[in-house]
Structures are given as structure tokens and as C-alpha cells.
Amino acid sequence: MKVGDVVRLTSGGPSMTVIELAEPKLSCTWFMVDSINGSSFPSASLELAADFASTPTSPTTESIPVIGRDPEPDLSPLGRAP
């Protein structure tokens, strides 16, 4: 695991962000309703949070708008003759 990874205790609990590596423990922080919490946990008691494991860390080219170019016209048939 590395700083910035989103983890959970193997026994369950909230998603936490690793903020410091101090083997054999990892320091983590997490948010509750109105507070920020933090603590250190043995690295063996943590696992990567499954719902964050496949999240891309950077945008794909499909999600980046092209500036200065008109969008492609919609040429789908709308009941008009070709």
C-alpha cells in the first residue's frame, strides 16, 4: 500500500485514506458526519477498498472537451429523406 490509497479494515468499517507509512503500521484518516478522524493500524489489518480499487486516477481523453472546435453535427435520420 502507498500514501493516497483508499483502504478499509479487513473486519469492515469506513473507507480511509493512507496518509503515512510507518511500517508495520499505516496512518489513515477518514471522515465521519462532522469530523475528521485519524489513527494508525497494523498494515496486516488493512486491505484496499474494493469500490476504489478500479477507479481511474486521471481522466480519459474521451472526457476532455476540445476547445475551439464545433461539435460534430448529428447526422442521424430524423424522418428526412437522404
C-alpha atoms as a PDB file:
ATOM      1  CA  MET A   1       0.000   0.000   0.000  1.00  0.00           C
ATOM      2  CA  LYS A   2       1.060   3.578  -0.525  1.00  0.00           C
ATOM      3  CA  VAL A   3       0.132   7.080   0.604  1.00  0.00           C
ATOM      4  CA  GLY A   4      -3.147   8.078  -1.028  1.00  0.00           C
ATOM      5  CA  ASP A   5      -4.576   4.559  -1.242  1.00  0.00           C
ATOM      6  CA  VAL A   6      -8.136   4.130  -0.015  1.00  0.00           C
ATOM      7  CA  VAL A   7      -8.305   1.228   2.433  1.00  0.00           C
ATOM      8  CA  ARG A   8     -10.637  -0.478   4.893  1.00  0.00           C
ATOM      9  CA  LEU A   9     -10.071  -2.642   7.902  1.00  0.00           C
ATOM     10  CA  THR A  10     -10.308  -6.300   6.922  1.00  0.00           C
ATOM     11  CA  SER A  11     -13.063  -6.565   9.533  1.00  0.00           C
ATOM     12  CA  GLY A  12     -15.050  -3.766   7.809  1.00  0.00           C
ATOM     13  CA  GLY A  13     -15.659  -0.118   8.557  1.00  0.00           C
ATOM     14  CA  PRO A  14     -15.410   3.191   6.701  1.00  0.00           C
ATOM     15  CA  SER A  15     -13.145   3.917   3.757  1.00  0.00           C
ATOM     16  CA  MET A  16      -9.914   5.541   4.950  1.00  0.00           C
ATOM     17  CA  THR A  17      -7.064   7.292   3.134  1.00  0.00           C
ATOM     18  CA  VAL A  18      -3.490   6.272   3.894  1.00  0.00           C
ATOM     19  CA  ILE A  19      -1.577   9.420   4.893  1.00  0.00           C
ATOM     20  CA  GLU A  20       1.690   7.976   6.217  1.00  0.00           C
ATOM     21  CA  LEU A  21       3.672   4.753   6.018  1.00  0.00           C
ATOM     22  CA  ALA A  22       5.350   3.810   9.286  1.00  0.00           C
ATOM     23  CA  GLU A  23       5.748   0.030   8.964  1.00  0.00           C
ATOM     24  CA  PRO A  24       4.465  -2.101  10.459  1.00  0.00           C
ATOM     25  CA  LYS A  25       1.646   0.437  10.815  1.00  0.00           C
ATOM     26  CA  LEU A  26      -0.108   2.782   8.413  1.00  0.00           C
ATOM     27  CA  SER A  27      -1.584   6.117   9.459  1.00  0.00           C
ATOM     28  CA  CYS A  28      -5.034   6.707   7.998  1.00  0.00           C
ATOM     29  CA  THR A  29      -7.648   9.428   8.034  1.00  0.00           C
ATOM     30  CA  TRP A  30     -11.377   9.206   7.403  1.00  0.00           C
ATOM     31  CA  PHE A  31     -14.434  11.410   7.575  1.00  0.00           C
ATOM     32  CA  MET A  32     -17.485  10.957   9.742  1.00  0.00           C
ATOM     33  CA  VAL A  33     -20.558  13.183   9.737  1.00  0.00           C
ATOM     34  CA  ASP A  34     -18.982  16.338  11.199  1.00  0.00           C
ATOM     35  CA  SER A  35     -15.429  15.297  11.936  1.00  0.00           C
ATOM     36  CA  ILE A  36     -12.149  14.132  10.501  1.00  0.00           C
ATOM     37  CA  ASN A  37     -10.715  11.131  12.305  1.00  0.00           C
ATOM     38  CA  GLY A  38      -7.317   9.512  12.169  1.00  0.00           C
ATOM     39  CA  SER A  39      -5.387   6.631  13.642  1.00  0.00           C
ATOM     40  CA  SER A  40      -2.632   4.110  12.939  1.00  0.00           C
ATOM     41  CA  PHE A  41      -3.377   0.495  12.101  1.00  0.00           C
ATOM     42  CA  PRO A  42      -1.213  -2.585  11.593  1.00  0.00           C
ATOM     43  CA  SER A  43      -0.754  -2.981   7.835  1.00  0.00           C
ATOM     44  CA  ALA A  44      -1.921  -6.612   8.071  1.00  0.00           C
ATOM     45  CA  SER A  45      -5.330  -5.386   9.278  1.00  0.00           C
ATOM     46  CA  LEU A  46      -5.951  -3.243   6.168  1.00  0.00           C
ATOM     47  CA  GLU A  47      -6.989  -4.015   2.609  1.00  0.00           C
ATOM     48  CA  LEU A  48      -7.575  -1.855  -0.448  1.00  0.00           C
ATOM     49  CA  ALA A  49     -11.178  -0.676  -0.565  1.00  0.00           C
ATOM     50  CA  ALA A  50     -12.798  -2.638  -3.396  1.00  0.00           C
ATOM     51  CA  ASP A  51     -15.030   0.229  -4.535  1.00  0.00           C
ATOM     52  CA  PHE A  52     -11.966   2.433  -5.077  1.00  0.00           C
ATOM     53  CA  ALA A  53      -9.537  -0.161  -6.461  1.00  0.00           C
ATOM     54  CA  SER A  54     -10.614   0.219 -10.100  1.00  0.00           C
ATOM     55  CA  THR A  55     -11.339   3.956 -10.086  1.00  0.00           C
ATOM     56  CA  PRO A  56      -9.165   5.741 -12.663  1.00  0.00           C
ATOM     57  CA  THR A  57      -6.825   8.322 -11.199  1.00  0.00           C
ATOM     58  CA  SER A  58      -6.771  10.523 -14.289  1.00  0.00           C
ATOM     59  CA  PRO A  59      -9.359  11.450 -16.892  1.00  0.00           C
ATOM     60  CA  THR A  60      -9.521   9.635 -20.200  1.00  0.00           C
ATOM     61  CA  THR A  61      -9.258  11.531 -23.459  1.00  0.00           C
ATOM     62  CA  GLU A  62     -12.958  10.926 -24.083  1.00  0.00           C
ATOM     63  CA  SER A  63     -13.847  13.058 -21.057  1.00  0.00           C
ATOM     64  CA  ILE A  64     -11.672  16.034 -22.020  1.00  0.00           C
ATOM     65  CA  PRO A  65     -13.566  18.646 -24.075  1.00  0.00           C
ATOM     66  CA  VAL A  66     -11.935  20.009 -27.207  1.00  0.00           C
ATOM     67  CA  ILE A  67     -11.836  23.798 -27.057  1.00  0.00           C
ATOM     68  CA  GLY A  68     -12.210  25.871 -30.206  1.00  0.00           C
ATOM     69  CA  ARG A  69     -13.864  23.200 -32.338  1.00  0.00           C
ATOM     70  CA  ASP A  70     -17.542  22.864 -33.133  1.00  0.00           C
ATOM     71  CA  PRO A  71     -19.075  19.564 -32.061  1.00  0.00           C
ATOM     72  CA  GLU A  72     -19.729  17.013 -34.774  1.00  0.00           C
ATOM     73  CA  PRO A  73     -23.196  17.515 -36.278  1.00  0.00           C
ATOM     74  CA  ASP A  74     -25.849  14.926 -35.525  1.00  0.00           C
ATOM     75  CA  LEU A  75     -26.479  13.236 -38.857  1.00  0.00           C
ATOM     76  CA  SER A  76     -28.923  10.674 -37.569  1.00  0.00           C
ATOM     77  CA  PRO A  77     -32.070  10.273 -39.658  1.00  0.00           C
ATOM     78  CA  LEU A  78     -34.943  12.343 -38.358  1.00  0.00           C
ATOM     79  CA  GLY A  79     -37.543  11.177 -40.781  1.00  0.00           C
ATOM     80  CA  ARG A  80     -35.950  13.129 -43.623  1.00  0.00           C
ATOM     81  CA  ALA A  81     -35.042  11.710 -46.984  1.00  0.00           C
ATOM     82  CA  PRO A  82     -31.313  11.395 -47.613  1.00  0.00           C
END
